[in-house]
Amino acid sequence: MALRREPAKTAGGKAVPARGAPAAATASAESRRLTKGERTRARLLEAAEFVFEQGSYDEASIVEITRKAGVSQGTFYLYFPSKLEIFREVVRALSHELRSHIAVRIAGIESRAEVERRGFEAFFAFVKEHPGLYRIIRQAEFVDRDIYRYHYERLAEGYRRGLRDAVHRGEFRDLDPEVLAYTLMGIGELIGARWLLWEDAPAGKVPAKVVDTVIDIVMNGVLTPRR
C-alpha cells in the first residue's frame, strides 16, 4: 500500500502548510515554526477532523468546530468559507498525510515483497493513529464525490507507478498496474477495518500472522500450484 500536505491558502493569500496529524500539528517544534495564523488554521483542521469522525457531516457544525479549536466563528471564516470547504480540506490533508507516511517507510527498499509488507504495515499504523480516516472517507462519498475520488485516485497514482516498475523488473506478472493498485488497496482497507476497528480487534495492531498471510497472497496468489 501508499502526507506532508500540499500548501493551502489563507484568506490573505499566503501559502501555509495544510493540516497534518494532530500530534504533529500540536508539537512544540512545529509550533515554533508556524505563524499565529498558521497555528490557528491547523487547530481548526484538527478540530474539524475530530468533529467529523465523531458524527456525521450533517450533524457537524461550525459552532462545534470552533468551540473545539478554541476560536470564534468569525475567525473560522477567515480561513474557510464553509463547512463543506473545511471538510474537503480535512480529506485532502488526511489523504496527503497517508501517502507521505507510507512513502517515508518504503523509501530506499528494492525488494517489492518488502515494499508491500512495509507499505501495508505503514497503512495499518496510520489507521491506528487516525481511526476516523474510514468514517471521514466514507462520508466523503456522499458529501462530495470529487473529493472522495481524489483520495483514492491520488493513493492509487503512486502505487500504480511502483507496481508498473515491479512488472518491468519481472517481480510481478505482466498485469494491469491500475487493476493491481486498486485490488491491493482494497485488501489493505478491509484488513485494516477487520483487525483494527472492529469490536473484537486486537489492541491497536494487525497481528503479524495476518500481515504474513496478506503478503503471501500478494506474492504467490491463492491457487495451489498445478502439477
Protein backbone atom coordinates (compact mmCIF):
# COMPACT_ATOMS: atom_id res chain seq x y z
CA MET A 1 0.00 0.00 0.00
CA ALA A 2 0.79 4.34 -0.47
CA LEU A 3 1.23 13.23 3.77
CA ARG A 4 3.40 16.25 4.01
CA ARG A 5 0.50 18.25 2.88
CA GLU A 6 0.05 20.32 -0.19
CA PRO A 7 0.20 24.04 0.58
CA ALA A 8 -3.11 25.76 1.10
CA LYS A 9 -4.01 29.45 1.10
CA THR A 10 -5.11 31.65 3.95
CA ALA A 11 -7.64 34.41 3.43
CA GLY A 12 -4.73 36.77 2.81
CA GLY A 13 -3.39 34.58 0.03
CA LYS A 14 -0.27 33.47 1.88
CA ALA A 15 0.76 29.86 1.38
CA VAL A 16 0.59 27.81 4.57
CA PRO A 17 1.06 24.12 5.17
CA ALA A 18 -2.15 22.13 5.26
CA ARG A 19 -3.09 20.20 8.37
CA GLY A 20 -1.17 17.11 9.42
CA ALA A 21 -1.62 14.52 12.12
CA PRO A 22 -2.96 16.07 15.34
CA ALA A 23 0.21 15.11 17.21
CA ALA A 24 2.36 16.80 14.59
CA ALA A 25 0.12 19.84 14.40
CA THR A 26 0.49 20.48 18.12
CA ALA A 27 4.14 19.53 18.55
CA SER A 28 6.15 22.32 20.13
CA ALA A 29 8.90 22.23 17.49
CA GLU A 30 6.40 22.72 14.69
CA SER A 31 4.51 25.36 16.65
CA ARG A 32 7.67 27.42 16.88
CA ARG A 33 7.99 27.37 13.08
CA LEU A 34 4.40 28.38 12.38
CA THR A 35 2.93 31.85 12.48
CA LYS A 36 -0.06 32.57 14.68
CA GLY A 37 -2.37 32.35 11.65
CA GLU A 38 -0.90 29.02 10.60
CA ARG A 39 -1.35 27.61 14.09
CA THR A 40 -4.97 28.79 14.12
CA ARG A 41 -5.64 27.15 10.77
CA ALA A 42 -4.02 23.92 11.99
CA ARG A 43 -6.19 23.96 15.14
CA LEU A 44 -9.32 24.41 13.05
CA LEU A 45 -8.43 21.47 10.83
CA GLU A 46 -7.53 19.28 13.79
CA ALA A 47 -10.83 20.17 15.46
CA ALA A 48 -12.76 19.54 12.23
CA GLU A 49 -11.19 16.09 11.83
CA PHE A 50 -12.27 15.22 15.37
CA VAL A 51 -15.81 16.55 14.88
CA PHE A 52 -16.35 14.82 11.53
CA GLU A 53 -15.03 11.49 12.79
CA GLN A 54 -17.25 11.59 15.87
CA GLY A 55 -20.52 12.00 13.98
CA SER A 56 -21.89 12.68 10.54
CA TYR A 57 -21.18 15.59 8.23
CA ASP A 58 -24.80 16.74 8.51
CA GLU A 59 -24.67 16.73 12.30
CA ALA A 60 -21.35 18.55 12.49
CA SER A 61 -21.48 22.33 12.86
CA ILE A 62 -19.10 25.23 12.53
CA VAL A 63 -20.03 26.17 16.11
CA GLU A 64 -18.81 22.79 17.30
CA ILE A 65 -15.59 23.02 15.26
CA THR A 66 -14.74 26.50 16.53
CA ARG A 67 -15.54 25.53 20.11
CA LYS A 68 -13.20 22.55 19.83
CA ALA A 69 -10.50 24.72 18.24
CA GLY A 70 -10.94 27.46 20.82
CA VAL A 71 -11.60 30.23 18.29
CA SER A 72 -14.55 32.43 17.34
CA GLN A 73 -16.88 31.76 14.42
CA GLY A 74 -15.63 34.95 12.81
CA THR A 75 -12.10 33.56 12.90
CA PHE A 76 -13.30 30.39 11.16
CA TYR A 77 -14.43 32.37 8.13
CA LEU A 78 -11.01 33.99 7.78
CA TYR A 79 -9.68 30.56 6.81
CA PHE A 80 -12.60 28.61 5.34
CA PRO A 81 -15.69 29.87 3.51
CA SER A 82 -17.94 27.00 4.62
CA LYS A 83 -18.28 23.70 6.45
CA LEU A 84 -18.01 21.92 3.10
CA GLU A 85 -14.66 23.52 2.31
CA ILE A 86 -13.11 22.60 5.64
CA PHE A 87 -14.42 19.05 5.18
CA ARG A 88 -12.74 18.90 1.77
CA GLU A 89 -9.51 20.17 3.25
CA VAL A 90 -9.63 17.56 6.02
CA VAL A 91 -9.94 14.83 3.38
CA ARG A 92 -7.11 16.34 1.29
CA ALA A 93 -4.93 16.61 4.38
CA LEU A 94 -5.58 13.06 5.58
CA SER A 95 -5.00 11.70 2.10
CA HIS A 96 -1.72 13.55 1.69
CA GLU A 97 -0.56 12.63 5.19
CA LEU A 98 -1.26 8.96 4.50
CA ARG A 99 0.68 8.97 1.23
CA SER A 100 3.63 10.73 2.84
CA HIS A 101 3.55 8.36 5.81
CA ILE A 102 3.77 5.33 3.53
CA ALA A 103 6.35 6.88 1.19
CA VAL A 104 8.75 7.56 4.06
CA ARG A 105 8.53 3.97 5.26
CA ILE A 106 9.15 2.32 1.89
CA ALA A 107 11.86 4.72 0.71
CA GLY A 108 15.05 3.01 -0.44
CA ILE A 109 13.64 -0.55 -0.33
CA GLU A 110 14.33 -2.50 -3.52
CA SER A 111 12.51 -5.80 -2.93
CA ARG A 112 8.88 -5.48 -4.00
CA ALA A 113 7.79 -8.05 -1.43
CA GLU A 114 9.36 -5.95 1.32
CA VAL A 115 7.87 -2.76 -0.14
CA GLU A 116 4.43 -4.35 0.04
CA ARG A 117 4.97 -5.52 3.62
CA ARG A 118 6.25 -2.14 4.81
CA GLY A 119 3.50 -0.36 2.88
CA PHE A 120 0.72 -2.42 4.45
CA GLU A 121 2.26 -2.01 7.91
CA ALA A 122 2.55 1.76 7.37
CA PHE A 123 -1.11 1.95 6.33
CA PHE A 124 -2.19 -0.01 9.41
CA ALA A 125 -0.07 2.23 11.66
CA PHE A 126 -1.68 5.32 10.14
CA VAL A 127 -5.17 3.93 10.71
CA LYS A 128 -4.26 3.26 14.34
CA GLU A 129 -3.27 6.96 14.66
CA HIS A 130 -6.28 8.17 12.66
CA PRO A 131 -9.18 5.76 13.31
CA GLY A 132 -11.54 8.39 11.93
CA LEU A 133 -9.99 8.02 8.45
CA TYR A 134 -12.51 5.35 7.46
CA ARG A 135 -15.52 7.27 8.73
CA ILE A 136 -14.46 10.54 7.08
CA ILE A 137 -13.64 8.98 3.69
CA ARG A 138 -16.90 7.05 3.65
CA GLN A 139 -18.82 10.24 4.40
CA ALA A 140 -16.97 11.92 1.53
CA GLU A 141 -18.64 9.57 -0.94
CA PHE A 142 -21.96 11.22 -0.14
CA VAL A 143 -20.81 14.73 0.79
CA ASP A 144 -18.55 15.41 -2.20
CA ARG A 145 -17.92 12.67 -4.76
CA ASP A 146 -14.98 14.56 -6.27
CA ILE A 147 -13.02 14.70 -3.02
CA TYR A 148 -13.89 11.04 -2.38
CA ARG A 149 -12.41 10.08 -5.75
CA TYR A 150 -9.44 12.39 -5.15
CA HIS A 151 -8.41 10.36 -2.10
CA TYR A 152 -8.36 7.02 -3.90
CA GLU A 153 -7.03 8.30 -7.22
CA ARG A 154 -4.07 10.04 -5.58
CA LEU A 155 -3.33 6.99 -3.45
CA ALA A 156 -3.50 4.73 -6.50
CA GLU A 157 -1.36 7.06 -8.62
CA GLY A 158 1.90 6.48 -6.79
CA TYR A 159 1.06 2.85 -6.06
CA ARG A 160 0.47 2.22 -9.75
CA ARG A 161 3.90 3.60 -10.67
CA GLY A 162 5.63 1.34 -8.18
CA LEU A 163 3.73 -1.71 -9.38
CA ARG A 164 4.47 -0.88 -13.01
CA ASP A 165 8.18 -0.77 -12.18
CA ALA A 166 7.89 -4.12 -10.39
CA VAL A 167 6.26 -5.62 -13.51
CA HIS A 168 9.10 -4.28 -15.67
CA ARG A 169 11.68 -5.79 -13.32
CA GLY A 170 9.91 -9.14 -13.52
CA GLU A 171 8.93 -9.19 -9.82
CA PHE A 172 5.21 -9.22 -10.69
CA ARG A 173 3.36 -10.86 -13.52
CA ASP A 174 2.51 -8.67 -16.52
CA LEU A 175 -0.81 -7.43 -15.17
CA ASP A 176 -2.52 -4.05 -15.45
CA PRO A 177 -0.84 -1.89 -12.73
CA GLU A 178 -4.03 0.11 -12.14
CA VAL A 179 -6.08 -3.03 -11.51
CA LEU A 180 -3.32 -4.29 -9.23
CA ALA A 181 -3.20 -1.00 -7.31
CA TYR A 182 -6.93 -0.88 -6.60
CA THR A 183 -7.03 -4.59 -5.74
CA LEU A 184 -4.23 -4.27 -3.19
CA MET A 185 -5.67 -1.04 -1.78
CA GLY A 186 -8.96 -2.86 -1.27
CA ILE A 187 -7.21 -5.68 0.57
CA GLY A 188 -5.41 -3.25 2.86
CA GLU A 189 -8.55 -1.26 3.62
CA LEU A 190 -10.66 -4.26 4.63
CA ILE A 191 -7.86 -5.94 6.59
CA GLY A 192 -7.38 -2.69 8.50
CA ALA A 193 -11.10 -2.45 9.22
CA ARG A 194 -11.33 -6.04 10.46
CA TRP A 195 -8.22 -6.10 12.65
CA LEU A 196 -8.07 -2.50 13.84
CA LEU A 197 -11.60 -1.13 14.03
CA TRP A 198 -13.99 -3.95 14.86
CA GLU A 199 -15.02 -4.55 18.46
CA ASP A 200 -13.11 -7.83 18.75
CA ALA A 201 -9.97 -6.42 17.08
CA PRO A 202 -6.69 -6.90 18.95
CA ALA A 203 -5.44 -3.82 20.75
CA GLY A 204 -4.03 -1.43 18.19
CA LYS A 205 -2.16 -3.71 15.83
CA VAL A 206 -2.80 -6.05 12.93
CA PRO A 207 -1.29 -9.41 14.00
CA ALA A 208 1.97 -10.38 12.29
CA LYS A 209 0.44 -13.62 11.02
CA VAL A 210 -2.29 -11.61 9.27
CA VAL A 211 0.31 -9.41 7.54
CA ASP A 212 2.27 -12.56 6.60
CA THR A 213 -0.85 -14.03 5.00
CA VAL A 214 -1.56 -10.82 3.08
CA ILE A 215 1.99 -10.73 1.68
CA ASP A 216 1.83 -14.43 0.81
CA ILE A 217 -1.37 -13.77 -1.16
CA VAL A 218 0.15 -10.72 -2.87
CA MET A 219 3.32 -12.51 -3.93
CA ASN A 220 2.04 -16.04 -4.53
CA GLY A 221 -1.70 -15.87 -5.18
CA VAL A 222 -4.30 -18.18 -3.66
CA LEU A 223 -4.38 -21.17 -6.01
CA THR A 224 -2.33 -24.26 -5.26
CA PRO A 225 0.42 -24.79 -7.87
CA ARG A 226 -0.57 -27.02 -10.76
CA ARG A 227 1.40 -30.17 -11.22
